[in-house]
Amino acid sequence: MDVVVENLTKSFGYQKAVDSVSFEVKKGEILGFLGPNGAGKTTITNLINRFYDLADGKIRYDGININKIKKADLRRSLGIVLQDVNLFTGTVMDNIRYGRLDATDEEVIAAAKAAHADSFIRQLPDGYQMELNEDASNVSQGQKQLLTIARAILADNRVMILDEATSSVDTRTEILIQKAMDHLMEGRTSFIIAHRLSTIRN
């Protein structure tokens, strides 16, 4: 999917977060947003997925103005991996399958392998059938991220948004997550938000 942003602006009360931003990302390309808190990185992606409506400017997917696309349809085409991981009480298998509810066990496991999560999952008590507790505190932060990346791989969205997906993990885990992210973004239009240059060095 091609994404074109023209003359994007967005104000929040007294603060003008984004001022006259324009860019084009062609199908399969990756665009990185690098900068400190408050620079407007997440604001831009929130406009792209219509969490906020545009005040000015235009955003087009494959030539279609996003205001002409139903929000539900638009968001089905987008995959998002955030710094704050969203897992629920249930098995590891069910948490990954949430990316595509009709996926078979084999497809879930294939997505986990692609996300470099299969190895640690098989070392958990009960493996894929282990129950995550209410806040998923029985797996590490890095493992949570790998599970959400596996979920996104399974969903197979056309556009990916990765928002600070490695900011809360150690360097060793970041390398593993980077490999999983590389697989996730392959062939997809992708946006990466980061504080650290290492996150978007590719």
Protein backbone atom coordinates (compact mmCIF):
# COMPACT_ATOMS: atom_id res chain seq x y z
CA MET A 1 0.00 0.00 0.00
CA ASP A 2 1.29 3.48 -0.93
CA VAL A 3 0.84 6.16 1.75
CA VAL A 4 0.97 9.86 0.83
CA VAL A 5 0.83 12.63 3.44
CA GLU A 6 0.39 16.23 2.27
CA ASN A 7 0.67 19.41 4.36
CA LEU A 8 -0.20 17.67 7.59
CA THR A 9 -0.82 19.88 10.62
CA LYS A 10 -2.33 19.10 13.99
CA SER A 11 -2.81 21.26 17.07
CA PHE A 12 -3.63 20.11 20.61
CA GLY A 13 -4.81 23.03 22.72
CA TYR A 14 -1.91 25.41 23.18
CA GLN A 15 0.66 23.10 21.59
CA LYS A 16 1.16 22.73 17.87
CA ALA A 17 2.47 19.18 17.63
CA VAL A 18 2.87 18.82 13.86
CA ASP A 19 3.48 21.62 11.39
CA SER A 20 3.30 21.21 7.59
CA VAL A 21 4.62 17.68 7.17
CA SER A 22 4.59 16.01 3.73
CA PHE A 23 6.01 12.66 2.64
CA GLU A 24 5.33 9.63 0.47
CA VAL A 25 6.00 6.01 1.38
CA LYS A 26 5.66 3.46 -1.41
CA LYS A 27 4.52 -0.12 -0.93
CA GLY A 28 7.19 -2.12 0.89
CA GLU A 29 9.19 0.92 2.02
CA ILE A 30 10.08 1.76 5.61
CA LEU A 31 9.93 5.26 7.09
CA GLY A 32 11.56 6.02 10.44
CA PHE A 33 10.53 8.82 12.81
CA LEU A 34 13.35 9.71 15.21
CA GLY A 35 13.16 12.36 17.91
CA PRO A 36 12.53 13.23 21.56
CA ASN A 37 9.22 13.09 23.42
CA GLY A 38 6.78 15.70 22.18
CA ALA A 39 8.28 15.95 18.69
CA GLY A 40 5.06 14.68 17.08
CA LYS A 41 6.17 11.17 16.04
CA THR A 42 3.22 9.28 17.49
CA THR A 43 0.86 12.11 16.54
CA ILE A 44 1.63 11.54 12.86
CA THR A 45 0.90 7.81 13.06
CA ASN A 46 -2.27 8.49 15.06
CA LEU A 47 -3.42 10.68 12.17
CA ILE A 48 -2.47 7.96 9.68
CA ASN A 49 -4.70 5.43 11.42
CA ARG A 50 -7.43 8.03 12.15
CA PHE A 51 -7.23 7.93 15.92
CA TYR A 52 -7.41 11.68 15.36
CA ASP A 53 -9.16 13.34 12.44
CA LEU A 54 -7.22 15.71 10.22
CA ALA A 55 -7.46 19.43 10.86
CA ASP A 56 -5.61 20.28 7.65
CA GLY A 57 -3.83 18.46 4.86
CA LYS A 58 -4.54 15.07 3.29
CA ILE A 59 -3.54 11.45 3.76
CA ARG A 60 -4.11 8.98 0.94
CA TYR A 61 -3.82 5.20 0.81
CA ASP A 62 -3.31 3.95 -2.75
CA GLY A 63 -4.70 7.29 -3.96
CA ILE A 64 -7.82 7.16 -1.75
CA ASN A 65 -8.35 9.90 0.85
CA ILE A 66 -8.52 8.16 4.24
CA ASN A 67 -11.59 10.22 5.14
CA LYS A 68 -13.40 8.18 2.47
CA ILE A 69 -12.40 4.88 4.10
CA LYS A 70 -14.43 3.45 6.99
CA LYS A 71 -12.38 3.47 10.17
CA ALA A 72 -12.99 -0.23 10.75
CA ASP A 73 -11.77 -1.11 7.25
CA LEU A 74 -8.80 1.22 7.58
CA ARG A 75 -7.69 -0.27 10.88
CA ARG A 76 -8.03 -3.83 9.61
CA SER A 77 -5.30 -2.97 7.11
CA LEU A 78 -2.98 -1.66 9.86
CA GLY A 79 -0.85 -3.60 12.31
CA ILE A 80 0.47 -1.80 15.39
CA VAL A 81 3.18 -2.89 17.82
CA LEU A 82 3.46 -0.53 20.78
CA GLN A 83 5.85 0.03 23.67
CA ASP A 84 2.99 -0.80 26.04
CA VAL A 85 2.15 -4.39 25.19
CA ASN A 86 -1.50 -5.47 25.14
CA LEU A 87 -1.84 -9.10 26.17
CA PHE A 88 -4.81 -10.69 27.93
CA THR A 89 -5.49 -13.48 30.39
CA GLY A 90 -5.43 -16.72 28.43
CA THR A 91 -2.97 -19.07 26.81
CA VAL A 92 0.06 -18.00 24.81
CA MET A 93 -1.56 -19.67 21.81
CA ASP A 94 -4.76 -17.64 22.21
CA ASN A 95 -2.84 -14.38 22.62
CA ILE A 96 -1.02 -14.89 19.33
CA ARG A 97 -4.18 -16.15 17.59
CA TYR A 98 -5.89 -12.86 18.44
CA GLY A 99 -4.13 -11.50 15.33
CA ARG A 100 -6.34 -13.77 13.18
CA LEU A 101 -8.99 -15.70 15.05
CA ASP A 102 -9.47 -18.38 12.39
CA ALA A 103 -5.76 -19.30 12.31
CA THR A 104 -4.82 -22.93 12.90
CA ASP A 105 -2.40 -24.02 15.61
CA GLU A 106 0.18 -24.63 12.89
CA GLU A 107 -0.20 -21.09 11.55
CA VAL A 108 0.16 -19.66 15.07
CA ILE A 109 3.35 -21.65 15.63
CA ALA A 110 4.71 -20.57 12.23
CA ALA A 111 4.10 -16.91 13.18
CA ALA A 112 5.86 -17.46 16.51
CA LYS A 113 8.85 -18.98 14.72
CA ALA A 114 8.98 -16.00 12.34
CA ALA A 115 8.93 -13.68 15.38
CA HIS A 116 11.77 -15.60 17.08
CA ALA A 117 9.35 -16.43 19.89
CA ASP A 118 8.97 -20.19 19.43
CA SER A 119 12.15 -21.06 21.32
CA PHE A 120 11.26 -19.29 24.56
CA ILE A 121 7.60 -20.36 24.31
CA ARG A 122 8.60 -24.04 24.26
CA GLN A 123 10.64 -23.48 27.43
CA LEU A 124 7.64 -22.09 29.32
CA PRO A 125 5.64 -24.36 31.65
CA ASP A 126 3.00 -25.88 29.31
CA GLY A 127 4.54 -24.10 26.29
CA TYR A 128 1.88 -22.65 23.99
CA GLN A 129 -0.82 -23.70 26.45
CA MET A 130 0.64 -21.75 29.36
CA GLU A 131 -1.86 -19.31 30.83
CA LEU A 132 -0.76 -15.68 30.99
CA ASN A 133 -1.92 -14.00 34.17
CA GLU A 134 -3.88 -10.75 34.34
CA ASP A 135 -0.96 -8.42 33.58
CA ALA A 136 1.16 -11.05 31.78
CA SER A 137 3.79 -10.65 34.48
CA ASN A 138 4.72 -14.33 34.19
CA VAL A 139 6.67 -13.49 31.00
CA SER A 140 9.36 -10.83 30.54
CA GLN A 141 8.90 -7.49 28.76
CA GLY A 142 10.95 -8.70 25.81
CA GLN A 143 8.92 -11.91 25.58
CA LYS A 144 5.71 -9.87 25.61
CA GLN A 145 7.00 -7.85 22.65
CA LEU A 146 7.88 -11.00 20.71
CA LEU A 147 4.37 -12.34 21.32
CA THR A 148 2.78 -9.15 19.99
CA ILE A 149 5.07 -9.25 16.95
CA ALA A 150 4.02 -12.88 16.36
CA ARG A 151 0.40 -11.72 16.58
CA ALA A 152 1.08 -8.98 14.02
CA ILE A 153 2.83 -11.43 11.66
CA LEU A 154 -0.20 -13.73 11.89
CA ALA A 155 -2.58 -10.83 11.13
CA ASP A 156 -0.62 -10.10 7.92
CA ASN A 157 -1.60 -6.41 7.71
CA ARG A 158 -0.62 -4.31 4.70
CA VAL A 159 0.77 -1.43 6.79
CA MET A 160 2.80 -1.74 10.00
CA ILE A 161 3.32 0.88 12.71
CA LEU A 162 6.00 0.10 15.30
CA ASP A 163 5.97 2.64 18.11
CA GLU A 164 8.99 2.41 20.43
CA ALA A 165 8.73 -1.38 20.34
CA THR A 166 12.24 -1.89 21.75
CA SER A 167 12.55 0.99 24.20
CA SER A 168 11.86 -1.04 27.37
CA VAL A 169 14.21 -3.97 26.77
CA ASP A 170 17.92 -4.66 27.17
CA THR A 171 20.36 -4.58 24.25
CA ARG A 172 20.45 -8.36 23.79
CA THR A 173 16.66 -8.59 23.67
CA GLU A 174 16.52 -5.57 21.36
CA ILE A 175 18.65 -7.44 18.80
CA LEU A 176 16.22 -10.38 18.90
CA ILE A 177 13.20 -8.08 18.56
CA GLN A 178 14.92 -6.26 15.68
CA LYS A 179 15.21 -9.56 13.80
CA ALA A 180 11.54 -10.26 14.43
CA MET A 181 10.62 -6.74 13.29
CA ASP A 182 12.66 -7.17 10.10
CA HIS A 183 10.60 -10.25 9.25
CA LEU A 184 7.37 -8.47 10.18
CA MET A 185 8.09 -5.48 7.91
CA GLU A 186 9.21 -7.52 4.90
CA GLY A 187 7.09 -6.51 1.91
CA ARG A 188 4.92 -4.19 4.00
CA THR A 189 4.69 -0.41 4.14
CA SER A 190 6.10 0.35 7.58
CA PHE A 191 6.50 3.24 9.99
CA ILE A 192 8.98 2.99 12.88
CA ILE A 193 8.94 5.44 15.79
CA ALA A 194 12.08 5.56 17.93
CA HIS A 195 14.13 7.57 20.40
CA ARG A 196 17.32 5.65 19.63
CA LEU A 197 19.08 5.75 16.27
CA SER A 198 19.99 2.06 16.63
CA THR A 199 16.30 1.15 16.32
CA ILE A 200 16.07 2.55 12.78
CA ARG A 201 19.64 2.07 11.57
CA ASN A 202 18.49 -0.20 8.73
